[in-house]
PDB file of N, CA and C in Angstrom:
ATOM      1  N   MET A   1      81.482  62.669  73.595  1.00  0.00           N
ATOM      2  CA  MET A   1      81.886  64.059  73.701  1.00  0.00           C
ATOM      3  C   MET A   1      82.055  64.472  75.163  1.00  0.00           C
ATOM      4  N   LYS A   2      81.120  64.028  76.040  1.00  0.00           N
ATOM      5  CA  LYS A   2      81.227  64.362  77.457  1.00  0.00           C
ATOM      6  C   LYS A   2      82.490  63.770  78.065  1.00  0.00           C
ATOM      7  N   LEU A   3      82.837  62.570  77.628  1.00  0.00           N
ATOM      8  CA  LEU A   3      84.045  61.928  78.134  1.00  0.00           C
ATOM      9  C   LEU A   3      85.286  62.722  77.714  1.00  0.00           C
ATOM     10  N   LEU A   4      85.294  63.205  76.480  1.00  0.00           N
ATOM     11  CA  LEU A   4      86.416  64.003  75.986  1.00  0.00           C
ATOM     12  C   LEU A   4      86.543  65.305  76.768  1.00  0.00           C
ATOM     13  N   LEU A   5      85.437  65.974  77.038  1.00  0.00           N
ATOM     14  CA  LEU A   5      85.457  67.213  77.813  1.00  0.00           C
ATOM     15  C   LEU A   5      85.931  66.969  79.246  1.00  0.00           C
ATOM     16  N   ALA A   6      85.501  65.864  79.829  1.00  0.00           N
ATOM     17  CA  ALA A   6      85.929  65.533  81.189  1.00  0.00           C
ATOM     18  C   ALA A   6      87.430  65.269  81.233  1.00  0.00           C
ATOM     19  N   ALA A   7      87.939  64.541  80.238  1.00  0.00           N
ATOM     20  CA  ALA A   7      89.379  64.257  80.183  1.00  0.00           C
ATOM     21  C   ALA A   7      90.171  65.547  79.984  1.00  0.00           C
ATOM     22  N   LEU A   8      89.675  66.431  79.126  1.00  0.00           N
ATOM     23  CA  LEU A   8      90.338  67.703  78.883  1.00  0.00           C
ATOM     24  C   LEU A   8      90.355  68.559  80.153  1.00  0.00           C
ATOM     25  N   ALA A   9      89.272  68.570  80.884  1.00  0.00           N
ATOM     26  CA  ALA A   9      89.192  69.336  82.130  1.00  0.00           C
ATOM     27  C   ALA A   9      90.202  68.808  83.149  1.00  0.00           C
ATOM     28  N   LEU A  10      90.344  67.486  83.231  1.00  0.00           N
ATOM     29  CA  LEU A  10      91.317  66.909  84.156  1.00  0.00           C
ATOM     30  C   LEU A  10      92.751  67.263  83.759  1.00  0.00           C
ATOM     31  N   LEU A  11      93.030  67.220  82.464  1.00  0.00           N
ATOM     32  CA  LEU A  11      94.368  67.576  81.986  1.00  0.00           C
ATOM     33  C   LEU A  11      94.692  69.032  82.282  1.00  0.00           C
ATOM     34  N   LEU A  12      93.739  69.910  82.014  1.00  0.00           N
ATOM     35  CA  LEU A  12      93.962  71.333  82.262  1.00  0.00           C
ATOM     36  C   LEU A  12      94.107  71.626  83.746  1.00  0.00           C
ATOM     37  N   ALA A  13      93.374  70.934  84.576  1.00  0.00           N
ATOM     38  CA  ALA A  13      93.470  71.142  86.019  1.00  0.00           C
ATOM     39  C   ALA A  13      94.856  70.768  86.518  1.00  0.00           C
ATOM     40  N   GLY A  14      95.446  69.759  85.934  1.00  0.00           N
ATOM     41  CA  GLY A  14      96.789  69.343  86.326  1.00  0.00           C
ATOM     42  C   GLY A  14      97.858  70.300  85.857  1.00  0.00           C
ATOM     43  N   CYS A  15      97.554  71.156  84.903  1.00  0.00           N
ATOM     44  CA  CYS A  15      98.537  72.078  84.344  1.00  0.00           C
ATOM     45  C   CYS A  15      98.562  73.430  85.050  1.00  0.00           C
ATOM     46  N   THR A  16      97.621  73.694  85.912  1.00  0.00           N
ATOM     47  CA  THR A  16      97.591  75.002  86.557  1.00  0.00           C
ATOM     48  C   THR A  16      98.700  75.094  87.594  1.00  0.00           C
ATOM     49  N   THR A  17      99.188  76.293  87.793  1.00  0.00           N
ATOM     50  CA  THR A  17     100.211  76.534  88.806  1.00  0.00           C
ATOM     51  C   THR A  17      99.686  77.584  89.762  1.00  0.00           C
ATOM     52  N   SER A  18     100.056  77.444  91.010  1.00  0.00           N
ATOM     53  CA  SER A  18      99.637  78.458  91.975  1.00  0.00           C
ATOM     54  C   SER A  18     100.630  79.610  91.919  1.00  0.00           C
ATOM     55  N   GLU A  19     100.118  80.819  92.053  1.00  0.00           N
ATOM     56  CA  GLU A  19     100.966  81.999  92.019  1.00  0.00           C
ATOM     57  C   GLU A  19     101.668  82.130  93.364  1.00  0.00           C
ATOM     58  N   ASP A  20     102.915  82.554  93.329  1.00  0.00           N
ATOM     59  CA  ASP A  20     103.647  82.802  94.555  1.00  0.00           C
ATOM     60  C   ASP A  20     103.057  84.009  95.257  1.00  0.00           C
ATOM     61  N   VAL A  21     102.968  83.920  96.565  1.00  0.00           N
ATOM     62  CA  VAL A  21     102.500  85.053  97.357  1.00  0.00           C
ATOM     63  C   VAL A  21     103.650  86.054  97.420  1.00  0.00           C
ATOM     64  N   PRO A  22     103.389  87.311  97.078  1.00  0.00           N
ATOM     65  CA  PRO A  22     104.475  88.299  97.105  1.00  0.00           C
ATOM     66  C   PRO A  22     104.963  88.533  98.531  1.00  0.00           C
ATOM     67  N   LYS A  23     106.245  88.710  98.662  1.00  0.00           N
ATOM     68  CA  LYS A  23     106.844  88.948  99.971  1.00  0.00           C
ATOM     69  C   LYS A  23     106.967  90.451 100.206  1.00  0.00           C
ATOM     70  N   PRO A  24     106.611  90.918 101.401  1.00  0.00           N
ATOM     71  CA  PRO A  24     106.737  92.346 101.695  1.00  0.00           C
ATOM     72  C   PRO A  24     108.168  92.843 101.515  1.00  0.00           C
ATOM     73  N   GLU A  25     109.136  92.006 101.864  1.00  0.00           N
ATOM     74  CA  GLU A  25     110.545  92.406 101.728  1.00  0.00           C
ATOM     75  C   GLU A  25     110.879  92.740 100.280  1.00  0.00           C
ATOM     76  N   ASP A  26     110.316  91.970  99.334  1.00  0.00           N
ATOM     77  CA  ASP A  26     110.538  92.256  97.915  1.00  0.00           C
ATOM     78  C   ASP A  26     109.951  93.608  97.540  1.00  0.00           C
ATOM     79  N   ALA A  27     108.754  93.900  98.063  1.00  0.00           N
ATOM     80  CA  ALA A  27     108.107  95.188  97.785  1.00  0.00           C
ATOM     81  C   ALA A  27     108.934  96.336  98.365  1.00  0.00           C
ATOM     82  N   PHE A  28     109.420  96.168  99.592  1.00  0.00           N
ATOM     83  CA  PHE A  28     110.213  97.225 100.222  1.00  0.00           C
ATOM     84  C   PHE A  28     111.506  97.465  99.444  1.00  0.00           C
ATOM     85  N   ARG A  29     112.154  96.396  99.029  1.00  0.00           N
ATOM     86  CA  ARG A  29     113.391  96.528  98.247  1.00  0.00           C
ATOM     87  C   ARG A  29     113.099  97.200  96.908  1.00  0.00           C
ATOM     88  N   PHE A  30     112.011  96.793  96.244  1.00  0.00           N
ATOM     89  CA  PHE A  30     111.590  97.355  94.959  1.00  0.00           C
ATOM     90  C   PHE A  30     111.382  98.864  95.059  1.00  0.00           C
ATOM     91  N   GLY A  31     110.754  99.312  96.156  1.00  0.00           N
ATOM     92  CA  GLY A  31     110.418 100.725  96.301  1.00  0.00           C
ATOM     93  C   GLY A  31     111.373 101.538  97.143  1.00  0.00           C
ATOM     94  N   GLY A  32     112.446 100.915  97.640  1.00  0.00           N
ATOM     95  CA  GLY A  32     113.371 101.654  98.486  1.00  0.00           C
ATOM     96  C   GLY A  32     112.738 102.075  99.803  1.00  0.00           C
ATOM     97  N   ILE A  33     111.903 101.204 100.356  1.00  0.00           N
ATOM     98  CA  ILE A  33     111.182 101.507 101.597  1.00  0.00           C
ATOM     99  C   ILE A  33     111.921 100.884 102.779  1.00  0.00           C
ATOM    100  N   SER A  34     112.082 101.666 103.835  1.00  0.00           N
ATOM    101  CA  SER A  34     112.686 101.179 105.070  1.00  0.00           C
ATOM    102  C   SER A  34     111.588 101.116 106.127  1.00  0.00           C
ATOM    103  N   MET A  35     111.205  99.921 106.485  1.00  0.00           N
ATOM    104  CA  MET A  35     110.076  99.686 107.383  1.00  0.00           C
ATOM    105  C   MET A  35     110.516  99.762 108.845  1.00  0.00           C
ATOM    106  N   PRO A  36     109.868 100.597 109.668  1.00  0.00           N
ATOM    107  CA  PRO A  36     110.171 100.615 111.098  1.00  0.00           C
ATOM    108  C   PRO A  36     109.802  99.282 111.752  1.00  0.00           C
ATOM    109  N   ALA A  37     110.503  98.943 112.806  1.00  0.00           N
ATOM    110  CA  ALA A  37     110.251  97.684 113.513  1.00  0.00           C
ATOM    111  C   ALA A  37     108.834  97.610 114.067  1.00  0.00           C
ATOM    112  N   SER A  38     108.220  98.755 114.321  1.00  0.00           N
ATOM    113  CA  SER A  38     106.872  98.779 114.904  1.00  0.00           C
ATOM    114  C   SER A  38     105.779  98.471 113.885  1.00  0.00           C
ATOM    115  N   GLY A  39     106.109  98.442 112.599  1.00  0.00           N
ATOM    116  CA  GLY A  39     105.112  98.184 111.557  1.00  0.00           C
ATOM    117  C   GLY A  39     104.802  96.706 111.422  1.00  0.00           C
ATOM    118  N   LYS A  40     103.573  96.411 111.053  1.00  0.00           N
ATOM    119  CA  LYS A  40     103.154  95.030 110.835  1.00  0.00           C
ATOM    120  C   LYS A  40     102.428  94.964 109.490  1.00  0.00           C
ATOM    121  N   VAL A  41     102.917  94.119 108.597  1.00  0.00           N
ATOM    122  CA  VAL A  41     102.324  93.980 107.271  1.00  0.00           C
ATOM    123  C   VAL A  41     101.039  93.159 107.367  1.00  0.00           C
ATOM    124  N   LEU A  42      99.964  93.696 106.789  1.00  0.00           N
ATOM    125  CA  LEU A  42      98.678  93.002 106.757  1.00  0.00           C
ATOM    126  C   LEU A  42      98.454  92.280 105.438  1.00  0.00           C
ATOM    127  N   GLU A  43      98.927  92.889 104.344  1.00  0.00           N
ATOM    128  CA  GLU A  43      98.657  92.328 103.019  1.00  0.00           C
ATOM    129  C   GLU A  43      99.682  92.866 102.021  1.00  0.00           C
ATOM    130  N   THR A  44     100.080  92.007 101.099  1.00  0.00           N
ATOM    131  CA  THR A  44     100.972  92.418 100.021  1.00  0.00           C
ATOM    132  C   THR A  44     100.420  91.870  98.716  1.00  0.00           C
ATOM    133  N   LYS A  45     100.330  92.741  97.706  1.00  0.00           N
ATOM    134  CA  LYS A  45      99.869  92.340  96.377  1.00  0.00           C
ATOM    135  C   LYS A  45     100.936  92.706  95.359  1.00  0.00           C
ATOM    136  N   TYR A  46     101.006  91.927  94.294  1.00  0.00           N
ATOM    137  CA  TYR A  46     101.959  92.195  93.217  1.00  0.00           C
ATOM    138  C   TYR A  46     101.292  91.872  91.895  1.00  0.00           C
ATOM    139  N   ASP A  47     101.451  92.747  90.929  1.00  0.00           N
ATOM    140  CA  ASP A  47     101.017  92.417  89.575  1.00  0.00           C
ATOM    141  C   ASP A  47     102.015  93.004  88.592  1.00  0.00           C
ATOM    142  N   ARG A  48     102.063  92.385  87.455  1.00  0.00           N
ATOM    143  CA  ARG A  48     103.038  92.790  86.455  1.00  0.00           C
ATOM    144  C   ARG A  48     102.419  92.661  85.078  1.00  0.00           C
ATOM    145  N   GLY A  49     102.557  93.713  84.316  1.00  0.00           N
ATOM    146  CA  GLY A  49     102.199  93.736  82.909  1.00  0.00           C
ATOM    147  C   GLY A  49     103.385  94.365  82.217  1.00  0.00           C
ATOM    148  N   ILE A  50     103.165  95.475  81.564  1.00  0.00           N
ATOM    149  CA  ILE A  50     104.291  96.232  81.019  1.00  0.00           C
ATOM    150  C   ILE A  50     105.117  96.786  82.181  1.00  0.00           C
ATOM    151  N   ASP A  51     104.442  97.194  83.245  1.00  0.00           N
ATOM    152  CA  ASP A  51     105.084  97.731  84.441  1.00  0.00           C
ATOM    153  C   ASP A  51     104.875  96.769  85.601  1.00  0.00           C
ATOM    154  N   ALA A  52     105.634  96.969  86.661  1.00  0.00           N
ATOM    155  CA  ALA A  52     105.481  96.174  87.873  1.00  0.00           C
ATOM    156  C   ALA A  52     104.831  97.044  88.943  1.00  0.00           C
ATOM    157  N   ARG A  53     104.006  96.415  89.795  1.00  0.00           N
ATOM    158  CA  ARG A  53     103.303  97.172  90.830  1.00  0.00           C
ATOM    159  C   ARG A  53     103.160  96.330  92.092  1.00  0.00           C
ATOM    160  N   TYR A  54     103.547  96.916  93.210  1.00  0.00           N
ATOM    161  CA  TYR A  54     103.312  96.323  94.528  1.00  0.00           C
ATOM    162  C   TYR A  54     102.350  97.213  95.288  1.00  0.00           C
ATOM    163  N   GLU A  55     101.529  96.578  96.104  1.00  0.00           N
ATOM    164  CA  GLU A  55     100.695  97.296  97.068  1.00  0.00           C
ATOM    165  C   GLU A  55     100.874  96.589  98.403  1.00  0.00           C
ATOM    166  N   VAL A  56     101.249  97.360  99.411  1.00  0.00           N
ATOM    167  CA  VAL A  56     101.454  96.812 100.749  1.00  0.00           C
ATOM    168  C   VAL A  56     100.569  97.574 101.715  1.00  0.00           C
ATOM    169  N   VAL A  57      99.805  96.843 102.516  1.00  0.00           N
ATOM    170  CA  VAL A  57      98.968  97.444 103.550  1.00  0.00           C
ATOM    171  C   VAL A  57      99.570  97.014 104.883  1.00  0.00           C
ATOM    172  N   LEU A  58      99.774  97.987 105.757  1.00  0.00           N
ATOM    173  CA  LEU A  58     100.386  97.680 107.047  1.00  0.00           C
ATOM    174  C   LEU A  58      99.761  98.521 108.134  1.00  0.00           C
ATOM    175  N   THR A  59      99.994  98.113 109.360  1.00  0.00           N
ATOM    176  CA  THR A  59      99.622  98.950 110.505  1.00  0.00           C
ATOM    177  C   THR A  59     100.919  99.529 111.052  1.00  0.00           C
ATOM    178  N   LEU A  60     100.827 100.771 111.459  1.00  0.00           N
ATOM    179  CA  LEU A  60     102.001 101.482 111.952  1.00  0.00           C
ATOM    180  C   LEU A  60     101.512 102.553 112.918  1.00  0.00           C
ATOM    181  N   PRO A  61     102.081 102.614 114.113  1.00  0.00           N
ATOM    182  CA  PRO A  61     101.687 103.694 115.014  1.00  0.00           C
ATOM    183  C   PRO A  61     101.917 105.053 114.342  1.00  0.00           C
ATOM    184  N   ALA A  62     100.990 105.959 114.527  1.00  0.00           N
ATOM    185  CA  ALA A  62     101.059 107.272 113.863  1.00  0.00           C
ATOM    186  C   ALA A  62     102.380 107.986 114.134  1.00  0.00           C
ATOM    187  N   GLU A  63     102.913 107.827 115.332  1.00  0.00           N
ATOM    188  CA  GLU A  63     104.167 108.514 115.654  1.00  0.00           C
ATOM    189  C   GLU A  63     105.371 107.937 114.902  1.00  0.00           C
ATOM    190  N   ASP A  64     105.229 106.760 114.293  1.00  0.00           N
ATOM    191  CA  ASP A  64     106.339 106.155 113.553  1.00  0.00           C
ATOM    192  C   ASP A  64     106.266 106.409 112.045  1.00  0.00           C
ATOM    193  N   LEU A  65     105.197 107.042 111.569  1.00  0.00           N
ATOM    194  CA  LEU A  65     105.103 107.357 110.139  1.00  0.00           C
ATOM    195  C   LEU A  65     106.240 108.267 109.677  1.00  0.00           C
ATOM    196  N   PRO A  66     106.594 109.322 110.419  1.00  0.00           N
ATOM    197  CA  PRO A  66     107.725 110.152 109.984  1.00  0.00           C
ATOM    198  C   PRO A  66     109.027 109.346 109.848  1.00  0.00           C
ATOM    199  N   GLU A  67     109.219 108.363 110.716  1.00  0.00           N
ATOM    200  CA  GLU A  67     110.419 107.514 110.635  1.00  0.00           C
ATOM    201  C   GLU A  67     110.431 106.725 109.321  1.00  0.00           C
ATOM    202  N   LEU A  68     109.275 106.156 108.951  1.00  0.00           N
ATOM    203  CA  LEU A  68     109.179 105.421 107.687  1.00  0.00           C
ATOM    204  C   LEU A  68     109.504 106.328 106.511  1.00  0.00           C
ATOM    205  N   LEU A  69     108.918 107.517 106.498  1.00  0.00           N
ATOM    206  CA  LEU A  69     109.126 108.447 105.382  1.00  0.00           C
ATOM    207  C   LEU A  69     110.574 108.929 105.305  1.00  0.00           C
ATOM    208  N   GLU A  70     111.137 109.288 106.442  1.00  0.00           N
ATOM    209  CA  GLU A  70     112.516 109.786 106.451  1.00  0.00           C
ATOM    210  C   GLU A  70     113.503 108.681 106.069  1.00  0.00           C
ATOM    211  N   ALA A  71     113.343 107.497 106.664  1.00  0.00           N
ATOM    212  CA  ALA A  71     114.265 106.394 106.375  1.00  0.00           C
ATOM    213  C   ALA A  71     114.143 105.916 104.929  1.00  0.00           C
ATOM    214  N   SER A  72     112.977 106.160 104.312  1.00  0.00           N
ATOM    215  CA  SER A  72     112.750 105.763 102.918  1.00  0.00           C
ATOM    216  C   SER A  72     113.090 106.891 101.945  1.00  0.00           C
ATOM    217  N   HIS A  73     113.650 107.976 102.475  1.00  0.00           N
ATOM    218  CA  HIS A  73     114.146 109.108 101.691  1.00  0.00           C
ATOM    219  C   HIS A  73     113.051 109.887 100.953  1.00  0.00           C
ATOM    220  N   PHE A  74     111.879 110.024 101.596  1.00  0.00           N
ATOM    221  CA  PHE A  74     110.880 110.948 101.088  1.00  0.00           C
ATOM    222  C   PHE A  74     111.294 112.342 101.527  1.00  0.00           C
ATOM    223  N   ALA A  75     111.001 113.348 100.725  1.00  0.00           N
ATOM    224  CA  ALA A  75     111.271 114.728 101.114  1.00  0.00           C
ATOM    225  C   ALA A  75     110.367 115.083 102.292  1.00  0.00           C
ATOM    226  N   PRO A  76     110.795 115.991 103.165  1.00  0.00           N
ATOM    227  CA  PRO A  76     109.968 116.374 104.316  1.00  0.00           C
ATOM    228  C   PRO A  76     108.567 116.830 103.875  1.00  0.00           C
ATOM    229  N   GLY A  77     107.554 116.269 104.528  1.00  0.00           N
ATOM    230  CA  GLY A  77     106.172 116.636 104.242  1.00  0.00           C
ATOM    231  C   GLY A  77     105.588 116.006 102.988  1.00  0.00           C
ATOM    232  N   VAL A  78     106.353 115.156 102.305  1.00  0.00           N
ATOM    233  CA  VAL A  78     105.897 114.546 101.049  1.00  0.00           C
ATOM    234  C   VAL A  78     105.583 113.072 101.270  1.00  0.00           C
ATOM    235  N   MET A  79     104.433 112.638 100.743  1.00  0.00           N
ATOM    236  CA  MET A  79     104.061 111.228 100.852  1.00  0.00           C
ATOM    237  C   MET A  79     103.902 110.568  99.485  1.00  0.00           C
ATOM    238  N   ASN A  80     104.158 111.313  98.420  1.00  0.00           N
ATOM    239  CA  ASN A  80     104.119 110.779  97.057  1.00  0.00           C
ATOM    240  C   ASN A  80     105.355 111.294  96.337  1.00  0.00           C
ATOM    241  N   ASP A  81     106.089 110.386  95.729  1.00  0.00           N
ATOM    242  CA  ASP A  81     107.253 110.807  94.962  1.00  0.00           C
ATOM    243  C   ASP A  81     107.611 109.747  93.936  1.00  0.00           C
ATOM    244  N   ASP A  82     108.652 110.009  93.205  1.00  0.00           N
ATOM    245  CA  ASP A  82     109.246 108.976  92.364  1.00  0.00           C
ATOM    246  C   ASP A  82     110.746 109.088  92.551  1.00  0.00           C
ATOM    247  N   ARG A  83     111.385 107.937  92.538  1.00  0.00           N
ATOM    248  CA  ARG A  83     112.832 107.927  92.728  1.00  0.00           C
ATOM    249  C   ARG A  83     113.427 106.750  91.982  1.00  0.00           C
ATOM    250  N   VAL A  84     114.691 106.838  91.695  1.00  0.00           N
ATOM    251  CA  VAL A  84     115.389 105.754  91.009  1.00  0.00           C
ATOM    252  C   VAL A  84     115.868 104.768  92.071  1.00  0.00           C
ATOM    253  N   VAL A  85     115.413 103.516  91.925  1.00  0.00           N
ATOM    254  CA  VAL A  85     115.795 102.439  92.828  1.00  0.00           C
ATOM    255  C   VAL A  85     116.344 101.307  91.960  1.00  0.00           C
ATOM    256  N   ASP A  86     117.575 100.930  92.193  1.00  0.00           N
ATOM    257  CA  ASP A  86     118.231  99.871  91.416  1.00  0.00           C
ATOM    258  C   ASP A  86     118.104 100.092  89.909  1.00  0.00           C
ATOM    259  N   GLY A  87     118.266 101.341  89.481  1.00  0.00           N
ATOM    260  CA  GLY A  87     118.287 101.657  88.058  1.00  0.00           C
ATOM    261  C   GLY A  87     116.933 101.815  87.395  1.00  0.00           C
ATOM    262  N   ARG A  88     115.852 101.748  88.140  1.00  0.00           N
ATOM    263  CA  ARG A  88     114.510 101.938  87.549  1.00  0.00           C
ATOM    264  C   ARG A  88     113.772 103.016  88.330  1.00  0.00           C
ATOM    265  N   ARG A  89     112.950 103.789  87.609  1.00  0.00           N
ATOM    266  CA  ARG A  89     112.163 104.838  88.244  1.00  0.00           C
ATOM    267  C   ARG A  89     110.919 104.203  88.865  1.00  0.00           C
ATOM    268  N   VAL A  90     110.750 104.409  90.166  1.00  0.00           N
ATOM    269  CA  VAL A  90     109.632 103.837  90.912  1.00  0.00           C
ATOM    270  C   VAL A  90     108.796 104.979  91.483  1.00  0.00           C
ATOM    271  N   VAL A  91     107.504 104.965  91.183  1.00  0.00           N
ATOM    272  CA  VAL A  91     106.556 105.905  91.786  1.00  0.00           C
ATOM    273  C   VAL A  91     106.137 105.304  93.121  1.00  0.00           C
ATOM    274  N   ARG A  92     106.166 106.134  94.164  1.00  0.00           N
ATOM    275  CA  ARG A  92     105.846 105.675  95.515  1.00  0.00           C
ATOM    276  C   ARG A  92     104.753 106.560  96.089  1.00  0.00           C
ATOM    277  N   GLU A  93     103.654 105.946  96.463  1.00  0.00           N
ATOM    278  CA  GLU A  93     102.534 106.690  97.041  1.00  0.00           C
ATOM    279  C   GLU A  93     102.175 106.088  98.389  1.00  0.00           C
ATOM    280  N   VAL A  94     102.064 106.952  99.388  1.00  0.00           N
ATOM    281  CA  VAL A  94     101.718 106.536 100.742  1.00  0.00           C
ATOM    282  C   VAL A  94     100.399 107.190 101.106  1.00  0.00           C
ATOM    283  N   THR A  95      99.429 106.383 101.542  1.00  0.00           N
ATOM    284  CA  THR A  95      98.173 106.931 102.060  1.00  0.00           C
ATOM    285  C   THR A  95      97.976 106.386 103.471  1.00  0.00           C
ATOM    286  N   VAL A  96      97.390 107.210 104.325  1.00  0.00           N
ATOM    287  CA  VAL A  96      97.241 106.860 105.729  1.00  0.00           C
ATOM    288  C   VAL A  96      95.787 107.032 106.140  1.00  0.00           C
ATOM    289  N   ASP A  97      95.275 106.045 106.859  1.00  0.00           N
ATOM    290  CA  ASP A  97      93.942 106.110 107.443  1.00  0.00           C
ATOM    291  C   ASP A  97      94.063 105.593 108.873  1.00  0.00           C
ATOM    292  N   GLY A  98      94.235 106.504 109.815  1.00  0.00           N
ATOM    293  CA  GLY A  98      94.475 106.102 111.206  1.00  0.00           C
ATOM    294  C   GLY A  98      95.840 105.442 111.311  1.00  0.00           C
ATOM    295  N   THR A  99      95.850 104.187 111.753  1.00  0.00           N
ATOM    296  CA  THR A  99      97.115 103.453 111.849  1.00  0.00           C
ATOM    297  C   THR A  99      97.334 102.525 110.654  1.00  0.00           C
ATOM    298  N   THR A 100      96.437 102.584 109.682  1.00  0.00           N
ATOM    299  CA  THR A 100      96.589 101.770 108.471  1.00  0.00           C
ATOM    300  C   THR A 100      97.320 102.587 107.418  1.00  0.00           C
ATOM    301  N   VAL A 101      98.395 102.027 106.904  1.00  0.00           N
ATOM    302  CA  VAL A 101      99.217 102.693 105.898  1.00  0.00           C
ATOM    303  C   VAL A 101      99.213 101.829 104.645  1.00  0.00           C
ATOM    304  N   ARG A 102      98.955 102.455 103.508  1.00  0.00           N
ATOM    305  CA  ARG A 102      98.957 101.757 102.218  1.00  0.00           C
ATOM    306  C   ARG A 102     100.096 102.325 101.379  1.00  0.00           C
ATOM    307  N   LEU A 103     100.970 101.432 100.922  1.00  0.00           N
ATOM    308  CA  LEU A 103     102.068 101.813 100.032  1.00  0.00           C
ATOM    309  C   LEU A 103     101.765 101.282  98.645  1.00  0.00           C
ATOM    310  N   GLU A 104     101.788 102.159  97.661  1.00  0.00           N
ATOM    311  CA  GLU A 104     101.685 101.734  96.270  1.00  0.00           C
ATOM    312  C   GLU A 104     103.005 102.076  95.601  1.00  0.00           C
ATOM    313  N   LEU A 105     103.631 101.059  95.038  1.00  0.00           N
ATOM    314  CA  LEU A 105     104.964 101.186  94.461  1.00  0.00           C
ATOM    315  C   LEU A 105     104.907 100.619  93.052  1.00  0.00           C
ATOM    316  N   PHE A 106     105.213 101.444  92.042  1.00  0.00           N
ATOM    317  CA  PHE A 106     105.098 100.936  90.676  1.00  0.00           C
ATOM    318  C   PHE A 106     106.048 101.651  89.733  1.00  0.00           C
ATOM    319  N   THR A 107     106.399 100.961  88.675  1.00  0.00           N
ATOM    320  CA  THR A 107     107.218 101.551  87.629  1.00  0.00           C
ATOM    321  C   THR A 107     106.299 102.122  86.569  1.00  0.00           C
ATOM    322  N   THR A 108     106.835 103.020  85.757  1.00  0.00           N
ATOM    323  CA  THR A 108     106.034 103.592  84.662  1.00  0.00           C
ATOM    324  C   THR A 108     106.794 103.518  83.367  1.00  0.00           C
TER     325      THR A 108
END
């Protein structure tokens, strides 16, 4: 029985696949985000169930945040919205903590 379990474990280990690391460019395209040249991406996450969701964490000088929002077509003074991007409604939420900016982009 132990031999059978060991063989099964080896077979299953050979069948696993590594998940692709999400690319920030895909997240930006998904959410209609235009990233200023001064921004630096720290982390990108992607998950998909019924809906798709990206989370991007970046550093951005505080003076360049308005450029990101304007170029990404947020209404003046708004950091949360939803808009149609490539035929799908995407909710876009921006939170800021100093120079750290978190973008959450998801369909509903």
